[in-house]
PDB file of all heavy atoms in Angstrom:
ATOM      1  N   TYR A   1      -8.803   2.958   3.751  1.00  0.00           N
ATOM      2  CA  TYR A   1      -7.865   3.588   4.675  1.00  0.00           C
ATOM      3  C   TYR A   1      -8.298   3.363   6.121  1.00  0.00           C
ATOM      4  O   TYR A   1      -7.488   3.040   6.972  1.00  0.00           O
ATOM      5  CB  TYR A   1      -7.757   5.083   4.415  1.00  0.00           C
ATOM      6  CG  TYR A   1      -7.077   5.467   3.129  1.00  0.00           C
ATOM      7  CD1 TYR A   1      -7.337   6.690   2.518  1.00  0.00           C
ATOM      8  CD2 TYR A   1      -6.174   4.617   2.504  1.00  0.00           C
ATOM      9  CE1 TYR A   1      -6.714   7.057   1.349  1.00  0.00           C
ATOM     10  CE2 TYR A   1      -5.552   4.978   1.331  1.00  0.00           C
ATOM     11  CZ  TYR A   1      -5.823   6.192   0.755  1.00  0.00           C
ATOM     12  OH  TYR A   1      -5.215   6.553  -0.403  1.00  0.00           O
ATOM     13  N   ARG A   2      -9.590   3.532   6.387  1.00  0.00           N
ATOM     14  CA  ARG A   2     -10.082   3.373   7.753  1.00  0.00           C
ATOM     15  C   ARG A   2      -9.883   1.940   8.231  1.00  0.00           C
ATOM     16  O   ARG A   2      -9.488   1.708   9.370  1.00  0.00           O
ATOM     17  CB  ARG A   2     -11.550   3.740   7.834  1.00  0.00           C
ATOM     18  CG  ARG A   2     -12.094   3.565   9.249  1.00  0.00           C
ATOM     19  CD  ARG A   2     -13.505   3.982   9.358  1.00  0.00           C
ATOM     20  NE  ARG A   2     -13.560   5.441   9.350  1.00  0.00           N
ATOM     21  CZ  ARG A   2     -14.688   6.127   9.288  1.00  0.00           C
ATOM     22  NH1 ARG A   2     -15.831   5.496   9.214  1.00  0.00           N
ATOM     23  NH2 ARG A   2     -14.672   7.432   9.288  1.00  0.00           N
ATOM     24  N   ALA A   3     -10.142   0.957   7.346  1.00  0.00           N
ATOM     25  CA  ALA A   3      -9.961  -0.444   7.719  1.00  0.00           C
ATOM     26  C   ALA A   3      -8.494  -0.744   8.025  1.00  0.00           C
ATOM     27  O   ALA A   3      -8.191  -1.609   8.848  1.00  0.00           O
ATOM     28  CB  ALA A   3     -10.464  -1.350   6.603  1.00  0.00           C
ATOM     29  N   ALA A   4      -7.583  -0.025   7.367  1.00  0.00           N
ATOM     30  CA  ALA A   4      -6.158  -0.220   7.603  1.00  0.00           C
ATOM     31  C   ALA A   4      -5.675   0.582   8.817  1.00  0.00           C
ATOM     32  O   ALA A   4      -4.495   0.506   9.171  1.00  0.00           O
ATOM     33  CB  ALA A   4      -5.358   0.174   6.367  1.00  0.00           C
ATOM     34  N   GLY A   5      -6.550   1.375   9.432  1.00  0.00           N
ATOM     35  CA  GLY A   5      -6.167   2.135  10.616  1.00  0.00           C
ATOM     36  C   GLY A   5      -5.504   3.462  10.310  1.00  0.00           C
ATOM     37  O   GLY A   5      -4.834   4.041  11.163  1.00  0.00           O
ATOM     38  N   ILE A   6      -5.691   3.985   9.124  1.00  0.00           N
ATOM     39  CA  ILE A   6      -5.058   5.241   8.723  1.00  0.00           C
ATOM     40  C   ILE A   6      -5.985   6.398   9.098  1.00  0.00           C
ATOM     41  O   ILE A   6      -7.182   6.372   8.814  1.00  0.00           O
ATOM     42  CB  ILE A   6      -4.772   5.229   7.211  1.00  0.00           C
ATOM     43  CG1 ILE A   6      -3.739   4.140   6.926  1.00  0.00           C
ATOM     44  CG2 ILE A   6      -4.301   6.575   6.726  1.00  0.00           C
ATOM     45  CD1 ILE A   6      -3.509   3.885   5.492  1.00  0.00           C
ATOM     46  N   THR A   7      -5.407   7.420   9.720  1.00  0.00           N
ATOM     47  CA  THR A   7      -6.221   8.533  10.201  1.00  0.00           C
ATOM     48  C   THR A   7      -5.893   9.869   9.549  1.00  0.00           C
ATOM     49  O   THR A   7      -6.656  10.822   9.709  1.00  0.00           O
ATOM     50  CB  THR A   7      -6.051   8.689  11.720  1.00  0.00           C
ATOM     51  OG1 THR A   7      -4.657   8.867  12.008  1.00  0.00           O
ATOM     52  CG2 THR A   7      -6.583   7.468  12.445  1.00  0.00           C
ATOM     53  N   ASN A   8      -4.773   9.973   8.808  1.00  0.00           N
ATOM     54  CA  ASN A   8      -4.464  11.243   8.146  1.00  0.00           C
ATOM     55  C   ASN A   8      -3.959  10.982   6.727  1.00  0.00           C
ATOM     56  O   ASN A   8      -3.598   9.869   6.365  1.00  0.00           O
ATOM     57  CB  ASN A   8      -3.458  12.075   8.953  1.00  0.00           C
ATOM     58  CG  ASN A   8      -2.173  11.335   9.215  1.00  0.00           C
ATOM     59  OD1 ASN A   8      -1.785  10.464   8.443  1.00  0.00           O
ATOM     60  ND2 ASN A   8      -1.506  11.685  10.301  1.00  0.00           N
ATOM     61  N   PHE A   9      -3.932  12.053   5.932  1.00  0.00           N
ATOM     62  CA  PHE A   9      -3.605  11.904   4.523  1.00  0.00           C
ATOM     63  C   PHE A   9      -2.120  11.636   4.285  1.00  0.00           C
ATOM     64  O   PHE A   9      -1.761  11.027   3.283  1.00  0.00           O
ATOM     65  CB  PHE A   9      -4.056  13.134   3.740  1.00  0.00           C
ATOM     66  CG  PHE A   9      -5.542  13.186   3.580  1.00  0.00           C
ATOM     67  CD1 PHE A   9      -6.291  14.156   4.208  1.00  0.00           C
ATOM     68  CD2 PHE A   9      -6.195  12.249   2.799  1.00  0.00           C
ATOM     69  CE1 PHE A   9      -7.661  14.198   4.067  1.00  0.00           C
ATOM     70  CE2 PHE A   9      -7.560  12.278   2.651  1.00  0.00           C
ATOM     71  CZ  PHE A   9      -8.305  13.253   3.283  1.00  0.00           C
ATOM     72  N   CYS A  10      -1.260  12.053   5.190  1.00  0.00           N
ATOM     73  CA  CYS A  10       0.166  11.749   5.057  1.00  0.00           C
ATOM     74  C   CYS A  10       0.377  10.240   5.163  1.00  0.00           C
ATOM     75  O   CYS A  10       1.107   9.652   4.376  1.00  0.00           O
ATOM     76  CB  CYS A  10       0.965  12.494   6.120  1.00  0.00           C
ATOM     77  SG  CYS A  10       2.737  12.218   6.010  1.00  0.00           S
ATOM     78  N   SER A  11      -0.296   9.628   6.120  1.00  0.00           N
ATOM     79  CA  SER A  11      -0.219   8.168   6.254  1.00  0.00           C
ATOM     80  C   SER A  11      -0.857   7.480   5.065  1.00  0.00           C
ATOM     81  O   SER A  11      -0.413   6.416   4.645  1.00  0.00           O
ATOM     82  CB  SER A  11      -0.934   7.723   7.531  1.00  0.00           C
ATOM     83  OG  SER A  11      -0.341   8.299   8.660  1.00  0.00           O
ATOM     84  N   ALA A  12      -1.889   8.087   4.507  1.00  0.00           N
ATOM     85  CA  ALA A  12      -2.559   7.506   3.341  1.00  0.00           C
ATOM     86  C   ALA A  12      -1.614   7.465   2.141  1.00  0.00           C
ATOM     87  O   ALA A  12      -1.588   6.488   1.387  1.00  0.00           O
ATOM     88  CB  ALA A  12      -3.811   8.298   3.002  1.00  0.00           C
ATOM     89  N   ARG A  13      -0.820   8.526   1.980  1.00  0.00           N
ATOM     90  CA  ARG A  13       0.150   8.542   0.876  1.00  0.00           C
ATOM     91  C   ARG A  13       1.183   7.431   1.044  1.00  0.00           C
ATOM     92  O   ARG A  13       1.530   6.735   0.098  1.00  0.00           O
ATOM     93  CB  ARG A  13       0.841   9.903   0.833  1.00  0.00           C
ATOM     94  CG  ARG A  13       0.730  10.562  -0.504  1.00  0.00           C
ATOM     95  CD  ARG A  13       1.385  11.915  -0.569  1.00  0.00           C
ATOM     96  NE  ARG A  13       0.587  12.884   0.185  1.00  0.00           N
ATOM     97  CZ  ARG A  13       1.079  13.696   1.107  1.00  0.00           C
ATOM     98  NH1 ARG A  13       2.350  13.710   1.384  1.00  0.00           N
ATOM     99  NH2 ARG A  13       0.302  14.538   1.761  1.00  0.00           N
ATOM    100  N   THR A  14       1.656   7.264   2.278  1.00  0.00           N
ATOM    101  CA  THR A  14       2.611   6.192   2.567  1.00  0.00           C
ATOM    102  C   THR A  14       1.975   4.832   2.326  1.00  0.00           C
ATOM    103  O   THR A  14       2.592   3.935   1.749  1.00  0.00           O
ATOM    104  CB  THR A  14       3.095   6.296   4.025  1.00  0.00           C
ATOM    105  OG1 THR A  14       3.609   7.596   4.240  1.00  0.00           O
ATOM    106  CG2 THR A  14       4.158   5.265   4.321  1.00  0.00           C
ATOM    107  N   TYR A  15       0.721   4.686   2.759  1.00  0.00           N
ATOM    108  CA  TYR A  15      -0.014   3.428   2.550  1.00  0.00           C
ATOM    109  C   TYR A  15      -0.143   3.112   1.060  1.00  0.00           C
ATOM    110  O   TYR A  15       0.082   1.980   0.635  1.00  0.00           O
ATOM    111  CB  TYR A  15      -1.394   3.534   3.200  1.00  0.00           C
ATOM    112  CG  TYR A  15      -2.283   2.351   2.946  1.00  0.00           C
ATOM    113  CD1 TYR A  15      -2.127   1.163   3.648  1.00  0.00           C
ATOM    114  CD2 TYR A  15      -3.294   2.419   2.003  1.00  0.00           C
ATOM    115  CE1 TYR A  15      -2.948   0.081   3.422  1.00  0.00           C
ATOM    116  CE2 TYR A  15      -4.121   1.340   1.762  1.00  0.00           C
ATOM    117  CZ  TYR A  15      -3.948   0.176   2.473  1.00  0.00           C
ATOM    118  OH  TYR A  15      -4.754  -0.900   2.242  1.00  0.00           O
ATOM    119  N   ASP A  16      -0.485   4.127   0.259  1.00  0.00           N
ATOM    120  CA  ASP A  16      -0.612   3.905  -1.189  1.00  0.00           C
ATOM    121  C   ASP A  16       0.716   3.485  -1.804  1.00  0.00           C
ATOM    122  O   ASP A  16       0.765   2.602  -2.663  1.00  0.00           O
ATOM    123  CB  ASP A  16      -1.128   5.163  -1.880  1.00  0.00           C
ATOM    124  CG  ASP A  16      -2.596   5.398  -1.628  1.00  0.00           C
ATOM    125  OD1 ASP A  16      -3.313   4.418  -1.324  1.00  0.00           O
ATOM    126  OD2 ASP A  16      -3.034   6.566  -1.736  1.00  0.00           O
ATOM    127  N   HIS A  17       1.808   4.127  -1.350  1.00  0.00           N
ATOM    128  CA  HIS A  17       3.130   3.787  -1.872  1.00  0.00           C
ATOM    129  C   HIS A  17       3.490   2.337  -1.522  1.00  0.00           C
ATOM    130  O   HIS A  17       3.962   1.579  -2.374  1.00  0.00           O
ATOM    131  CB  HIS A  17       4.178   4.755  -1.316  1.00  0.00           C
ATOM    132  CG  HIS A  17       5.570   4.434  -1.738  1.00  0.00           C
ATOM    133  ND1 HIS A  17       5.999   4.603  -3.035  1.00  0.00           N
ATOM    134  CD2 HIS A  17       6.625   3.940  -1.044  1.00  0.00           C
ATOM    135  CE1 HIS A  17       7.258   4.223  -3.119  1.00  0.00           C
ATOM    136  NE2 HIS A  17       7.664   3.820  -1.925  1.00  0.00           N
ATOM    137  N   LEU A  18       3.242   1.947  -0.270  1.00  0.00           N
ATOM    138  CA  LEU A  18       3.554   0.577   0.146  1.00  0.00           C
ATOM    139  C   LEU A  18       2.655  -0.441  -0.546  1.00  0.00           C
ATOM    140  O   LEU A  18       3.099  -1.534  -0.901  1.00  0.00           O
ATOM    141  CB  LEU A  18       3.426   0.448   1.667  1.00  0.00           C
ATOM    142  CG  LEU A  18       4.477   1.204   2.471  1.00  0.00           C
ATOM    143  CD1 LEU A  18       4.153   1.134   3.949  1.00  0.00           C
ATOM    144  CD2 LEU A  18       5.861   0.655   2.182  1.00  0.00           C
ATOM    145  N   LYS A  19       1.406  -0.070  -0.760  1.00  0.00           N
ATOM    146  CA  LYS A  19       0.483  -0.969  -1.463  1.00  0.00           C
ATOM    147  C   LYS A  19       0.951  -1.196  -2.897  1.00  0.00           C
ATOM    148  O   LYS A  19       0.910  -2.315  -3.415  1.00  0.00           O
ATOM    149  CB  LYS A  19      -0.927  -0.382  -1.453  1.00  0.00           C
ATOM    150  CG  LYS A  19      -1.958  -1.277  -2.105  1.00  0.00           C
ATOM    151  CD  LYS A  19      -3.329  -0.652  -2.029  1.00  0.00           C
ATOM    152  CE  LYS A  19      -4.327  -1.531  -2.750  1.00  0.00           C
ATOM    153  NZ  LYS A  19      -5.638  -0.903  -2.833  1.00  0.00           N
ATOM    154  N   LYS A  20       1.424  -0.136  -3.531  1.00  0.00           N
ATOM    155  CA  LYS A  20       1.929  -0.252  -4.900  1.00  0.00           C
ATOM    156  C   LYS A  20       3.149  -1.174  -4.943  1.00  0.00           C
ATOM    157  O   LYS A  20       3.264  -2.029  -5.817  1.00  0.00           O
ATOM    158  CB  LYS A  20       2.287   1.131  -5.442  1.00  0.00           C
ATOM    159  CG  LYS A  20       2.761   1.115  -6.861  1.00  0.00           C
ATOM    160  CD  LYS A  20       3.073   2.516  -7.329  1.00  0.00           C
ATOM    161  CE  LYS A  20       3.642   2.498  -8.720  1.00  0.00           C
ATOM    162  NZ  LYS A  20       4.033   3.829  -9.187  1.00  0.00           N
ATOM    163  N   SER A  21       4.049  -1.030  -3.984  1.00  0.00           N
ATOM    164  CA  SER A  21       5.237  -1.892  -3.959  1.00  0.00           C
ATOM    165  C   SER A  21       4.851  -3.344  -3.657  1.00  0.00           C
ATOM    166  O   SER A  21       5.441  -4.269  -4.217  1.00  0.00           O
ATOM    167  CB  SER A  21       6.266  -1.379  -2.954  1.00  0.00           C
ATOM    168  OG  SER A  21       5.753  -1.460  -1.647  1.00  0.00           O
ATOM    169  N   ARG A  22       3.846  -3.549  -2.798  1.00  0.00           N
ATOM    170  CA  ARG A  22       3.369  -4.915  -2.539  1.00  0.00           C
ATOM    171  C   ARG A  22       2.779  -5.541  -3.796  1.00  0.00           C
ATOM    172  O   ARG A  22       3.007  -6.707  -4.080  1.00  0.00           O
ATOM    173  CB  ARG A  22       2.294  -4.907  -1.437  1.00  0.00           C
ATOM    174  CG  ARG A  22       2.825  -4.876  -0.041  1.00  0.00           C
ATOM    175  CD  ARG A  22       1.726  -5.195   0.966  1.00  0.00           C
ATOM    176  NE  ARG A  22       0.524  -4.413   0.780  1.00  0.00           N
ATOM    177  CZ  ARG A  22       0.250  -3.284   1.433  1.00  0.00           C
ATOM    178  NH1 ARG A  22       1.099  -2.807   2.316  1.00  0.00           N
ATOM    179  NH2 ARG A  22      -0.883  -2.643   1.210  1.00  0.00           N
ATOM    180  N   ASP A  23       2.039  -4.753  -4.560  1.00  0.00           N
ATOM    181  CA  ASP A  23       1.468  -5.262  -5.804  1.00  0.00           C
ATOM    182  C   ASP A  23       2.561  -5.626  -6.808  1.00  0.00           C
ATOM    183  O   ASP A  23       2.458  -6.626  -7.526  1.00  0.00           O
ATOM    184  CB  ASP A  23       0.511  -4.241  -6.413  1.00  0.00           C
ATOM    185  CG  ASP A  23      -0.763  -4.082  -5.603  1.00  0.00           C
ATOM    186  OD1 ASP A  23      -1.062  -4.995  -4.790  1.00  0.00           O
ATOM    187  OD2 ASP A  23      -1.448  -3.059  -5.777  1.00  0.00           O
ATOM    188  N   GLU A  24       3.625  -4.816  -6.844  1.00  0.00           N
ATOM    189  CA  GLU A  24       4.746  -5.131  -7.737  1.00  0.00           C
ATOM    190  C   GLU A  24       5.431  -6.423  -7.301  1.00  0.00           C
ATOM    191  O   GLU A  24       5.817  -7.241  -8.136  1.00  0.00           O
ATOM    192  CB  GLU A  24       5.733  -3.970  -7.760  1.00  0.00           C
ATOM    193  CG  GLU A  24       5.225  -2.760  -8.492  1.00  0.00           C
ATOM    194  CD  GLU A  24       6.147  -1.560  -8.350  1.00  0.00           C
ATOM    195  OE1 GLU A  24       7.162  -1.661  -7.623  1.00  0.00           O
ATOM    196  OE2 GLU A  24       5.830  -0.523  -8.949  1.00  0.00           O
ATOM    197  N   GLU A  25       5.594  -6.608  -5.988  1.00  0.00           N
ATOM    198  CA  GLU A  25       6.199  -7.854  -5.479  1.00  0.00           C
ATOM    199  C   GLU A  25       5.314  -9.054  -5.809  1.00  0.00           C
ATOM    200  O   GLU A  25       5.809 -10.119  -6.160  1.00  0.00           O
ATOM    201  CB  GLU A  25       6.421  -7.770  -3.967  1.00  0.00           C
ATOM    202  CG  GLU A  25       7.577  -6.896  -3.576  1.00  0.00           C
ATOM    203  CD  GLU A  25       8.894  -7.423  -4.098  1.00  0.00           C
ATOM    204  OE1 GLU A  25       9.121  -8.651  -4.081  1.00  0.00           O
ATOM    205  OE2 GLU A  25       9.716  -6.590  -4.526  1.00  0.00           O
ATOM    206  N   ARG A  26       4.011  -8.877  -5.704  1.00  0.00           N
ATOM    207  CA  ARG A  26       3.077  -9.951  -6.042  1.00  0.00           C
ATOM    208  C   ARG A  26       3.202 -10.305  -7.524  1.00  0.00           C
ATOM    209  O   ARG A  26       3.169 -11.466  -7.900  1.00  0.00           O
ATOM    210  CB  ARG A  26       1.648  -9.528  -5.715  1.00  0.00           C
ATOM    211  CG  ARG A  26       0.642 -10.634  -5.840  1.00  0.00           C
ATOM    212  CD  ARG A  26      -0.740 -10.210  -5.387  1.00  0.00           C
ATOM    213  NE  ARG A  26      -0.742  -9.756  -4.012  1.00  0.00           N
ATOM    214  CZ  ARG A  26      -1.195  -8.578  -3.595  1.00  0.00           C
ATOM    215  NH1 ARG A  26      -1.700  -7.732  -4.459  1.00  0.00           N
ATOM    216  NH2 ARG A  26      -1.151  -8.253  -2.324  1.00  0.00           N
ATOM    217  N   LEU A  27       3.396  -9.296  -8.361  1.00  0.00           N
ATOM    218  CA  LEU A  27       3.585  -9.531  -9.788  1.00  0.00           C
ATOM    219  C   LEU A  27       4.875 -10.310 -10.037  1.00  0.00           C
ATOM    220  O   LEU A  27       4.905 -11.232 -10.855  1.00  0.00           O
ATOM    221  CB  LEU A  27       3.622  -8.200 -10.543  1.00  0.00           C
ATOM    222  CG  LEU A  27       3.856  -8.284 -12.044  1.00  0.00           C
ATOM    223  CD1 LEU A  27       2.688  -8.997 -12.724  1.00  0.00           C
ATOM    224  CD2 LEU A  27       4.042  -6.900 -12.624  1.00  0.00           C
ATOM    225  N   LYS A  28       5.936  -9.976  -9.301  1.00  0.00           N
ATOM    226  CA  LYS A  28       7.198 -10.708  -9.452  1.00  0.00           C
ATOM    227  C   LYS A  28       7.031 -12.159  -9.024  1.00  0.00           C
ATOM    228  O   LYS A  28       7.589 -13.068  -9.646  1.00  0.00           O
ATOM    229  CB  LYS A  28       8.309 -10.042  -8.642  1.00  0.00           C
ATOM    230  CG  LYS A  28       8.810  -8.763  -9.258  1.00  0.00           C
ATOM    231  CD  LYS A  28       9.936  -8.171  -8.441  1.00  0.00           C
ATOM    232  CE  LYS A  28      10.415  -6.874  -9.039  1.00  0.00           C
ATOM    233  NZ  LYS A  28      11.505  -6.292  -8.266  1.00  0.00           N
ATOM    234  N   ARG A  29       6.248 -12.388  -7.952  1.00  0.00           N
ATOM    235  CA  ARG A  29       6.021 -13.769  -7.520  1.00  0.00           C
ATOM    236  C   ARG A  29       5.258 -14.569  -8.556  1.00  0.00           C
ATOM    237  O   ARG A  29       5.530 -15.735  -8.766  1.00  0.00           O
ATOM    238  CB  ARG A  29       5.273 -13.789  -6.181  1.00  0.00           C
ATOM    239  CG  ARG A  29       6.225 -13.735  -5.013  1.00  0.00           C
ATOM    240  CD  ARG A  29       5.495 -13.962  -3.718  1.00  0.00           C
ATOM    241  NE  ARG A  29       5.284 -12.636  -3.138  1.00  0.00           N
ATOM    242  CZ  ARG A  29       4.141 -12.164  -2.691  1.00  0.00           C
ATOM    243  NH1 ARG A  29       3.083 -12.904  -2.691  1.00  0.00           N
ATOM    244  NH2 ARG A  29       4.059 -10.948  -2.206  1.00  0.00           N
ATOM    245  N   THR A  30       4.319 -13.934  -9.219  1.00  0.00           N
ATOM    246  CA  THR A  30       3.595 -14.651 -10.272  1.00  0.00           C
ATOM    247  C   THR A  30       4.525 -14.941 -11.440  1.00  0.00           C
ATOM    248  O   THR A  30       4.371 -15.950 -12.112  1.00  0.00           O
ATOM    249  CB  THR A  30       2.368 -13.864 -10.755  1.00  0.00           C
ATOM    250  OG1 THR A  30       2.778 -12.597 -11.239  1.00  0.00           O
ATOM    251  CG2 THR A  30       1.347 -13.704  -9.650  1.00  0.00           C
ATOM    252  N   MET A  31       5.491 -14.057 -11.674  1.00  0.00           N
ATOM    253  CA  MET A  31       6.467 -14.318 -12.733  1.00  0.00           C
ATOM    254  C   MET A  31       7.333 -15.515 -12.362  1.00  0.00           C
ATOM    255  O   MET A  31       7.704 -16.310 -13.215  1.00  0.00           O
ATOM    256  CB  MET A  31       7.321 -13.086 -13.000  1.00  0.00           C
ATOM    257  CG  MET A  31       6.555 -11.947 -13.607  1.00  0.00           C
ATOM    258  SD  MET A  31       7.602 -10.528 -13.803  1.00  0.00           S
ATOM    259  CE  MET A  31       7.918 -10.618 -15.547  1.00  0.00           C
TER     260      MET A  31
END
């Protein structure tokens, strides 16, 4: 989180959600 510039837990939740969607997109690209 710190490396990504996140300073509070609300932003961390958003970051986790976006990271999950990025991973799903990466999975679709491999498909």
